[in-house]
Amino acid sequence: MMDKTFVLERACLPVVFFTATPPFSDLPQGVLTQLADAARVDFCPVGTRLFGPGQRVEDLLLIQSGGVCVSGPGGAHAPRGLDYLGSGQAVGAAELLRGEPASCDATALADTFFFRLEGGLFLQAAREFPALAAYFCDRFPKDYLERALAVLRRDRGGGGG
């Protein structure tokens, strides 16, 4: 029987993931590599609260596998799901870019692996490459609006605008 040993350098995984994940995939290769090299692999089990209202967000969490629920206050103190994030999506970008404490909860829906990028590095890259910040400031609010409109249409029986 032949012994097969696979060697995979830790730095290879983040570079491959960042290269395939917008908006990081649009960055110049040198910048992308620098960010990927600085990213740390992190894990949290299902039910872990990543942050809550009033807490400062220190790092950008890029979901490799698993999922996160971003929720706000609901009736009778029950959280209301605002968004469900999965592989390739980022947690904490809006909070970092606003420079304000979180206004919502972020909780792991499943055992989740992240690439954790120090907030200062993310903000530096966003200043140098405005398209990076624009992706999180422009694209996600439009996605939320489109989903909210779809829910309203569905709840009204498929009616128009």
N, C-alpha and C. Protein backbone atom coordinates (compact mmCIF):
# COMPACT_ATOMS: atom_id res chain seq x y z
N MET A 1 0.84 -1.17 0.00
CA MET A 1 0.00 0.00 0.00
C MET A 1 0.90 1.24 0.00
N MET A 2 0.59 2.17 -0.87
CA MET A 2 1.40 3.38 -1.00
C MET A 2 0.90 4.46 -0.05
N ASP A 3 1.82 5.07 0.67
CA ASP A 3 1.48 6.16 1.58
C ASP A 3 1.42 7.46 0.79
N LYS A 4 0.27 8.12 0.81
CA LYS A 4 0.11 9.39 0.11
C LYS A 4 0.04 10.51 1.15
N THR A 5 0.90 11.45 1.00
CA THR A 5 0.93 12.60 1.89
C THR A 5 0.68 13.85 1.07
N PHE A 6 -0.30 14.62 1.49
CA PHE A 6 -0.60 15.87 0.80
C PHE A 6 -0.16 17.02 1.68
N VAL A 7 0.60 17.91 1.11
CA VAL A 7 1.08 19.08 1.83
C VAL A 7 0.35 20.29 1.25
N LEU A 8 -0.32 21.02 2.12
CA LEU A 8 -1.03 22.21 1.69
C LEU A 8 -0.62 23.35 2.60
N GLU A 9 0.01 24.34 2.03
CA GLU A 9 0.44 25.47 2.83
C GLU A 9 -0.78 26.28 3.26
N ARG A 10 -0.78 26.74 4.51
CA ARG A 10 -1.88 27.52 5.05
C ARG A 10 -2.16 28.74 4.19
N ALA A 11 -1.12 29.41 3.70
CA ALA A 11 -1.29 30.64 2.93
C ALA A 11 -1.98 30.39 1.60
N CYS A 12 -1.95 29.17 1.10
CA CYS A 12 -2.57 28.87 -0.18
C CYS A 12 -4.08 28.95 -0.10
N LEU A 13 -4.69 28.45 0.95
CA LEU A 13 -6.15 28.44 1.06
C LEU A 13 -6.76 29.83 1.00
N PRO A 14 -6.33 30.78 1.81
CA PRO A 14 -6.93 32.11 1.72
C PRO A 14 -6.74 32.75 0.35
N VAL A 15 -5.57 32.60 -0.28
CA VAL A 15 -5.35 33.21 -1.59
C VAL A 15 -6.33 32.64 -2.60
N VAL A 16 -6.51 31.33 -2.60
CA VAL A 16 -7.45 30.71 -3.53
C VAL A 16 -8.86 31.22 -3.26
N PHE A 17 -9.26 31.29 -2.01
CA PHE A 17 -10.61 31.73 -1.65
C PHE A 17 -10.81 33.20 -2.00
N PHE A 18 -9.87 34.07 -1.63
CA PHE A 18 -10.00 35.50 -1.93
C PHE A 18 -10.03 35.74 -3.44
N THR A 19 -9.25 34.97 -4.19
CA THR A 19 -9.21 35.12 -5.64
C THR A 19 -10.57 34.81 -6.28
N ALA A 20 -11.33 33.93 -5.66
CA ALA A 20 -12.63 33.52 -6.21
C ALA A 20 -13.80 34.28 -5.60
N THR A 21 -13.54 35.22 -4.68
CA THR A 21 -14.62 35.85 -3.93
C THR A 21 -14.67 37.36 -4.16
N PRO A 22 -15.76 37.83 -4.81
CA PRO A 22 -15.93 39.28 -4.96
C PRO A 22 -16.15 39.92 -3.60
N PRO A 23 -15.74 41.12 -3.40
CA PRO A 23 -15.06 42.03 -4.31
C PRO A 23 -13.54 41.88 -4.27
N PHE A 24 -13.05 40.99 -3.43
CA PHE A 24 -11.60 40.81 -3.30
C PHE A 24 -10.99 40.32 -4.60
N SER A 25 -11.74 39.54 -5.36
CA SER A 25 -11.24 39.00 -6.63
C SER A 25 -10.92 40.10 -7.64
N ASP A 26 -11.47 41.30 -7.45
CA ASP A 26 -11.23 42.41 -8.37
C ASP A 26 -10.02 43.26 -7.98
N LEU A 27 -9.40 42.96 -6.85
CA LEU A 27 -8.24 43.73 -6.40
C LEU A 27 -7.00 43.32 -7.19
N PRO A 28 -6.02 44.22 -7.28
CA PRO A 28 -4.74 43.82 -7.89
C PRO A 28 -4.15 42.62 -7.16
N GLN A 29 -3.50 41.74 -7.90
CA GLN A 29 -3.00 40.49 -7.32
C GLN A 29 -2.13 40.71 -6.10
N GLY A 30 -1.27 41.71 -6.10
CA GLY A 30 -0.40 41.95 -4.95
C GLY A 30 -1.18 42.32 -3.70
N VAL A 31 -2.20 43.13 -3.85
CA VAL A 31 -3.03 43.54 -2.71
C VAL A 31 -3.85 42.35 -2.22
N LEU A 32 -4.42 41.61 -3.16
CA LEU A 32 -5.20 40.42 -2.80
C LEU A 32 -4.33 39.43 -2.01
N THR A 33 -3.12 39.20 -2.48
CA THR A 33 -2.21 38.28 -1.80
C THR A 33 -1.86 38.79 -0.41
N GLN A 34 -1.61 40.09 -0.30
CA GLN A 34 -1.28 40.68 1.01
C GLN A 34 -2.44 40.48 1.99
N LEU A 35 -3.66 40.74 1.57
CA LEU A 35 -4.81 40.56 2.45
C LEU A 35 -5.00 39.09 2.81
N ALA A 36 -4.89 38.22 1.81
CA ALA A 36 -5.06 36.79 2.07
C ALA A 36 -4.00 36.26 3.02
N ASP A 37 -2.76 36.73 2.87
CA ASP A 37 -1.69 36.29 3.76
C ASP A 37 -1.92 36.74 5.20
N ALA A 38 -2.60 37.88 5.35
CA ALA A 38 -2.87 38.41 6.70
C ALA A 38 -4.10 37.77 7.34
N ALA A 39 -4.92 37.11 6.54
CA ALA A 39 -6.15 36.50 7.06
C ALA A 39 -5.81 35.27 7.90
N ARG A 40 -6.56 35.12 8.99
CA ARG A 40 -6.41 33.95 9.85
C ARG A 40 -7.65 33.08 9.71
N VAL A 41 -7.46 31.79 9.73
CA VAL A 41 -8.58 30.87 9.71
C VAL A 41 -9.17 30.84 11.11
N ASP A 42 -10.49 30.95 11.19
CA ASP A 42 -11.17 30.95 12.48
C ASP A 42 -12.41 30.06 12.38
N PHE A 43 -12.89 29.60 13.51
CA PHE A 43 -14.03 28.70 13.57
C PHE A 43 -14.92 29.09 14.73
N CYS A 44 -16.24 28.96 14.54
CA CYS A 44 -17.16 29.08 15.67
C CYS A 44 -18.27 28.05 15.50
N PRO A 45 -18.68 27.44 16.60
CA PRO A 45 -19.75 26.45 16.52
C PRO A 45 -21.12 27.11 16.38
N VAL A 46 -22.07 26.32 15.94
CA VAL A 46 -23.44 26.79 15.78
C VAL A 46 -23.91 27.48 17.06
N GLY A 47 -24.63 28.59 16.90
CA GLY A 47 -25.16 29.33 18.04
C GLY A 47 -24.24 30.38 18.62
N THR A 48 -23.00 30.45 18.14
CA THR A 48 -22.06 31.44 18.66
C THR A 48 -22.49 32.84 18.23
N ARG A 49 -22.57 33.74 19.19
CA ARG A 49 -22.89 35.14 18.88
C ARG A 49 -21.58 35.85 18.53
N LEU A 50 -21.50 36.34 17.30
CA LEU A 50 -20.28 36.99 16.82
C LEU A 50 -20.20 38.43 17.32
N PHE A 51 -21.33 39.12 17.33
CA PHE A 51 -21.43 40.45 17.92
C PHE A 51 -22.90 40.79 18.08
N GLY A 52 -23.15 41.81 18.90
CA GLY A 52 -24.51 42.26 19.16
C GLY A 52 -24.59 43.77 19.16
N PRO A 53 -25.80 44.31 19.27
CA PRO A 53 -25.99 45.76 19.25
C PRO A 53 -25.10 46.46 20.29
N GLY A 54 -24.46 47.52 19.84
CA GLY A 54 -23.61 48.31 20.72
C GLY A 54 -22.17 47.83 20.80
N GLN A 55 -21.87 46.65 20.28
CA GLN A 55 -20.51 46.13 20.32
C GLN A 55 -19.70 46.63 19.14
N ARG A 56 -18.44 46.92 19.39
CA ARG A 56 -17.52 47.30 18.31
C ARG A 56 -17.12 46.05 17.53
N VAL A 57 -17.11 46.16 16.23
CA VAL A 57 -16.66 45.07 15.37
C VAL A 57 -15.20 45.35 15.03
N GLU A 58 -14.34 44.41 15.36
CA GLU A 58 -12.90 44.61 15.19
C GLU A 58 -12.36 44.03 13.88
N ASP A 59 -12.99 42.97 13.38
CA ASP A 59 -12.46 42.25 12.22
C ASP A 59 -13.55 42.00 11.19
N LEU A 60 -13.13 41.86 9.95
CA LEU A 60 -14.01 41.41 8.88
C LEU A 60 -13.96 39.89 8.88
N LEU A 61 -15.12 39.26 8.86
CA LEU A 61 -15.20 37.81 8.82
C LEU A 61 -15.73 37.40 7.46
N LEU A 62 -14.91 36.73 6.68
CA LEU A 62 -15.30 36.25 5.37
C LEU A 62 -15.64 34.77 5.52
N ILE A 63 -16.90 34.44 5.29
CA ILE A 63 -17.39 33.08 5.54
C ILE A 63 -16.84 32.12 4.48
N GLN A 64 -16.14 31.11 4.97
CA GLN A 64 -15.63 30.06 4.08
C GLN A 64 -16.67 28.96 3.95
N SER A 65 -17.22 28.51 5.07
CA SER A 65 -18.28 27.50 5.06
C SER A 65 -19.14 27.70 6.30
N GLY A 66 -20.38 27.29 6.20
CA GLY A 66 -21.30 27.49 7.31
C GLY A 66 -22.24 28.64 6.99
N GLY A 67 -22.73 29.30 8.03
CA GLY A 67 -23.65 30.40 7.80
C GLY A 67 -23.84 31.26 9.03
N VAL A 68 -24.31 32.48 8.79
CA VAL A 68 -24.53 33.46 9.85
C VAL A 68 -25.89 34.12 9.63
N CYS A 69 -26.62 34.31 10.72
CA CYS A 69 -27.87 35.06 10.68
C CYS A 69 -27.59 36.44 11.26
N VAL A 70 -27.94 37.47 10.51
CA VAL A 70 -27.86 38.84 11.00
C VAL A 70 -29.29 39.22 11.33
N SER A 71 -29.53 39.58 12.60
CA SER A 71 -30.90 39.84 13.03
C SER A 71 -30.99 41.12 13.85
N GLY A 72 -32.20 41.67 13.86
CA GLY A 72 -32.49 42.87 14.63
C GLY A 72 -33.55 42.56 15.65
N PRO A 73 -33.94 43.57 16.41
CA PRO A 73 -34.97 43.34 17.42
C PRO A 73 -36.30 42.99 16.79
N GLY A 74 -37.02 42.10 17.42
CA GLY A 74 -38.35 41.72 16.96
C GLY A 74 -39.34 41.88 18.10
N GLY A 75 -40.55 41.50 17.85
CA GLY A 75 -41.58 41.60 18.88
C GLY A 75 -41.30 40.67 20.04
N ALA A 76 -41.73 41.08 21.23
CA ALA A 76 -41.59 40.29 22.46
C ALA A 76 -40.16 39.80 22.67
N HIS A 77 -39.22 40.64 22.34
CA HIS A 77 -37.78 40.38 22.54
C HIS A 77 -37.25 39.21 21.72
N ALA A 78 -38.00 38.77 20.72
CA ALA A 78 -37.53 37.70 19.84
C ALA A 78 -36.78 38.33 18.67
N PRO A 79 -35.62 37.80 18.31
CA PRO A 79 -34.90 38.39 17.18
C PRO A 79 -35.64 38.17 15.87
N ARG A 80 -35.47 39.12 14.95
CA ARG A 80 -36.07 39.03 13.63
C ARG A 80 -34.93 38.92 12.63
N GLY A 81 -34.95 37.85 11.82
CA GLY A 81 -33.90 37.64 10.83
C GLY A 81 -33.91 38.72 9.76
N LEU A 82 -32.79 39.37 9.55
CA LEU A 82 -32.66 40.37 8.51
C LEU A 82 -31.97 39.80 7.29
N ASP A 83 -31.00 38.94 7.53
CA ASP A 83 -30.27 38.35 6.42
C ASP A 83 -29.60 37.06 6.88
N TYR A 84 -29.41 36.19 5.90
CA TYR A 84 -28.73 34.93 6.14
C TYR A 84 -27.54 34.89 5.19
N LEU A 85 -26.35 34.81 5.76
CA LEU A 85 -25.12 34.89 4.97
C LEU A 85 -24.45 33.52 4.90
N GLY A 86 -23.86 33.24 3.75
CA GLY A 86 -23.18 31.96 3.55
C GLY A 86 -21.81 32.15 2.93
N SER A 87 -21.30 31.09 2.36
CA SER A 87 -19.95 31.06 1.82
C SER A 87 -19.69 32.23 0.87
N GLY A 88 -18.56 32.90 1.10
CA GLY A 88 -18.16 34.02 0.27
C GLY A 88 -18.70 35.36 0.71
N GLN A 89 -19.59 35.37 1.69
CA GLN A 89 -20.14 36.63 2.16
C GLN A 89 -19.40 37.09 3.41
N ALA A 90 -19.46 38.39 3.65
CA ALA A 90 -18.69 39.00 4.73
C ALA A 90 -19.61 39.44 5.86
N VAL A 91 -19.11 39.30 7.07
CA VAL A 91 -19.79 39.75 8.28
C VAL A 91 -18.94 40.86 8.89
N GLY A 92 -19.55 41.99 9.18
CA GLY A 92 -18.86 43.08 9.85
C GLY A 92 -18.38 44.19 8.94
N ALA A 93 -18.52 44.05 7.63
CA ALA A 93 -18.02 45.07 6.71
C ALA A 93 -18.72 46.40 6.92
N ALA A 94 -20.04 46.40 7.03
CA ALA A 94 -20.79 47.66 7.18
C ALA A 94 -20.41 48.36 8.47
N GLU A 95 -20.27 47.62 9.53
CA GLU A 95 -19.91 48.20 10.83
C GLU A 95 -18.51 48.82 10.78
N LEU A 96 -17.58 48.11 10.15
CA LEU A 96 -16.21 48.63 10.03
C LEU A 96 -16.19 49.90 9.18
N LEU A 97 -16.90 49.88 8.05
CA LEU A 97 -16.89 51.03 7.16
C LEU A 97 -17.57 52.25 7.77
N ARG A 98 -18.63 52.01 8.55
CA ARG A 98 -19.32 53.11 9.23
C ARG A 98 -18.52 53.62 10.42
N GLY A 99 -17.68 52.77 10.99
CA GLY A 99 -16.92 53.15 12.17
C GLY A 99 -17.80 53.30 13.40
N GLU A 100 -18.91 52.59 13.41
CA GLU A 100 -19.87 52.66 14.51
C GLU A 100 -20.09 51.27 15.09
N PRO A 101 -20.56 51.20 16.33
CA PRO A 101 -20.90 49.90 16.91
C PRO A 101 -22.01 49.22 16.11
N ALA A 102 -22.07 47.92 16.26
CA ALA A 102 -23.10 47.14 15.56
C ALA A 102 -24.49 47.57 16.02
N SER A 103 -25.43 47.51 15.08
CA SER A 103 -26.82 47.82 15.40
C SER A 103 -27.68 46.56 15.32
N CYS A 104 -27.03 45.41 15.14
CA CYS A 104 -27.75 44.14 15.00
C CYS A 104 -26.94 43.02 15.66
N ASP A 105 -27.54 41.85 15.68
CA ASP A 105 -26.87 40.64 16.16
C ASP A 105 -26.36 39.85 14.97
N ALA A 106 -25.25 39.17 15.13
CA ALA A 106 -24.75 38.22 14.15
C ALA A 106 -24.45 36.93 14.90
N THR A 107 -25.11 35.85 14.48
CA THR A 107 -25.01 34.57 15.17
C THR A 107 -24.79 33.45 14.16
N ALA A 108 -23.89 32.53 14.48
CA ALA A 108 -23.62 31.39 13.60
C ALA A 108 -24.83 30.47 13.53
N LEU A 109 -25.29 30.20 12.31
CA LEU A 109 -26.42 29.28 12.08
C LEU A 109 -25.98 27.82 12.05
N ALA A 110 -24.70 27.64 11.81
CA ALA A 110 -24.11 26.30 11.70
C ALA A 110 -22.66 26.42 12.15
N ASP A 111 -22.00 25.30 12.29
CA ASP A 111 -20.56 25.36 12.53
C ASP A 111 -19.96 26.11 11.34
N THR A 112 -19.22 27.17 11.61
CA THR A 112 -18.80 28.08 10.55
C THR A 112 -17.30 28.34 10.59
N PHE A 113 -16.67 28.23 9.43
CA PHE A 113 -15.27 28.58 9.25
C PHE A 113 -15.20 29.94 8.56
N PHE A 114 -14.31 30.79 9.07
CA PHE A 114 -14.12 32.14 8.53
C PHE A 114 -12.67 32.34 8.15
N PHE A 115 -12.46 33.32 7.28
CA PHE A 115 -11.16 33.95 7.17
C PHE A 115 -11.34 35.27 7.89
N ARG A 116 -10.59 35.47 8.96
CA ARG A 116 -10.68 36.68 9.79
C ARG A 116 -9.60 37.65 9.33
N LEU A 117 -10.05 38.85 8.91
CA LEU A 117 -9.14 39.88 8.44
C LEU A 117 -9.23 41.07 9.39
N GLU A 118 -8.10 41.48 9.93
CA GLU A 118 -8.05 42.59 10.88
C GLU A 118 -8.71 43.81 10.24
N GLY A 119 -9.60 44.46 11.01
CA GLY A 119 -10.39 45.58 10.50
C GLY A 119 -9.57 46.71 9.91
N GLY A 120 -8.45 47.02 10.54
CA GLY A 120 -7.60 48.09 10.03
C GLY A 120 -7.06 47.80 8.64
N LEU A 121 -6.70 46.56 8.37
CA LEU A 121 -6.22 46.18 7.03
C LEU A 121 -7.34 46.29 6.00
N PHE A 122 -8.53 45.84 6.39
CA PHE A 122 -9.69 45.95 5.50
C PHE A 122 -9.97 47.42 5.18
N LEU A 123 -9.97 48.27 6.20
CA LEU A 123 -10.26 49.70 5.99
C LEU A 123 -9.18 50.38 5.14
N GLN A 124 -7.94 50.00 5.33
CA GLN A 124 -6.85 50.54 4.51
C GLN A 124 -7.07 50.18 3.04
N ALA A 125 -7.40 48.92 2.79
CA ALA A 125 -7.66 48.48 1.42
C ALA A 125 -8.88 49.20 0.84
N ALA A 126 -9.90 49.41 1.66
CA ALA A 126 -11.11 50.10 1.19
C ALA A 126 -10.81 51.56 0.85
N ARG A 127 -9.88 52.19 1.58
CA ARG A 127 -9.49 53.57 1.25
C ARG A 127 -8.69 53.62 -0.05
N GLU A 128 -7.80 52.65 -0.24
CA GLU A 128 -6.96 52.62 -1.44
C GLU A 128 -7.73 52.19 -2.68
N PHE A 129 -8.77 51.36 -2.49
CA PHE A 129 -9.56 50.84 -3.60
C PHE A 129 -11.04 51.08 -3.29
N PRO A 130 -11.54 52.26 -3.65
CA PRO A 130 -12.91 52.63 -3.31
C PRO A 130 -13.97 51.62 -3.80
N ALA A 131 -13.67 50.88 -4.84
CA ALA A 131 -14.62 49.87 -5.32
C ALA A 131 -14.88 48.80 -4.25
N LEU A 132 -13.89 48.55 -3.40
CA LEU A 132 -14.05 47.58 -2.32
C LEU A 132 -15.12 48.07 -1.34
N ALA A 133 -14.99 49.32 -0.91
CA ALA A 133 -15.98 49.91 0.00
C ALA A 133 -17.33 50.02 -0.69
N ALA A 134 -17.33 50.42 -1.96
CA ALA A 134 -18.59 50.59 -2.69
C ALA A 134 -19.35 49.28 -2.79
N TYR A 135 -18.64 48.19 -2.93
CA TYR A 135 -19.29 46.87 -3.01
C TYR A 135 -20.15 46.63 -1.78
N PHE A 136 -19.61 46.93 -0.61
CA PHE A 136 -20.34 46.70 0.63
C PHE A 136 -21.35 47.80 0.92
N CYS A 137 -21.06 49.02 0.49
CA CYS A 137 -21.98 50.14 0.76
C CYS A 137 -23.12 50.22 -0.24
N ASP A 138 -22.86 49.85 -1.49
CA ASP A 138 -23.87 49.98 -2.54
C ASP A 138 -24.60 48.68 -2.84
N ARG A 139 -23.84 47.61 -3.00
CA ARG A 139 -24.44 46.37 -3.46
C ARG A 139 -25.36 45.75 -2.42
N PHE A 140 -24.89 45.62 -1.17
CA PHE A 140 -25.70 44.93 -0.19
C PHE A 140 -27.00 45.64 0.14
N PRO A 141 -27.03 46.97 0.29
CA PRO A 141 -28.33 47.61 0.52
C PRO A 141 -29.32 47.35 -0.62
N LYS A 142 -28.82 47.32 -1.87
CA LYS A 142 -29.70 47.02 -3.00
C LYS A 142 -30.23 45.59 -2.90
N ASP A 143 -29.36 44.65 -2.51
CA ASP A 143 -29.79 43.26 -2.34
C ASP A 143 -30.87 43.16 -1.26
N TYR A 144 -30.67 43.85 -0.12
CA TYR A 144 -31.66 43.83 0.95
C TYR A 144 -32.99 44.38 0.46
N LEU A 145 -32.94 45.49 -0.29
CA LEU A 145 -34.15 46.11 -0.80
C LEU A 145 -34.88 45.16 -1.75
N GLU A 146 -34.14 44.52 -2.65
CA GLU A 146 -34.75 43.58 -3.58
C GLU A 146 -35.40 42.41 -2.84
N ARG A 147 -34.74 41.90 -1.81
CA ARG A 147 -35.32 40.79 -1.05
C ARG A 147 -36.56 41.24 -0.29
N ALA A 148 -36.50 42.44 0.29
CA ALA A 148 -37.66 42.96 1.03
C ALA A 148 -38.85 43.15 0.10
N LEU A 149 -38.59 43.66 -1.10
CA LEU A 149 -39.68 43.84 -2.07
C LEU A 149 -40.26 42.48 -2.50
N ALA A 150 -39.39 41.50 -2.67
CA ALA A 150 -39.87 40.16 -3.04
C ALA A 150 -40.77 39.59 -1.95
N VAL A 151 -40.40 39.78 -0.69
CA VAL A 151 -41.21 39.30 0.42
C VAL A 151 -42.55 40.02 0.44
N LEU A 152 -42.54 41.34 0.25
CA LEU A 152 -43.79 42.12 0.22
C LEU A 152 -44.69 41.65 -0.91
N ARG A 153 -44.11 41.43 -2.09
CA ARG A 153 -44.91 40.95 -3.22
C ARG A 153 -45.51 39.58 -2.93
N ARG A 154 -44.70 38.71 -2.35
CA ARG A 154 -45.18 37.37 -2.02
C ARG A 154 -46.31 37.44 -1.00
N ASP A 155 -46.12 38.27 0.04
CA ASP A 155 -47.13 38.40 1.08
C ASP A 155 -48.41 39.03 0.58
N ARG A 156 -48.32 39.84 -0.48
CA ARG A 156 -49.52 40.47 -1.05
C ARG A 156 -50.10 39.61 -2.17
N GLY A 157 -49.62 38.41 -2.31
CA GLY A 157 -50.17 37.51 -3.32
C GLY A 157 -49.63 37.75 -4.73
N GLY A 158 -48.39 38.27 -4.80
CA GLY A 158 -47.74 38.42 -6.11
C GLY A 158 -48.11 39.70 -6.80
N GLY A 159 -48.74 40.64 -6.10
CA GLY A 159 -49.12 41.91 -6.71
C GLY A 159 -47.93 42.74 -7.10
N GLY A 160 -48.15 43.73 -7.93
CA GLY A 160 -47.09 44.61 -8.42
C GLY A 160 -46.67 45.62 -7.38
N GLY A 161 -45.72 46.50 -7.79
CA GLY A 161 -45.08 47.54 -7.01
C GLY A 161 -45.95 48.19 -6.04
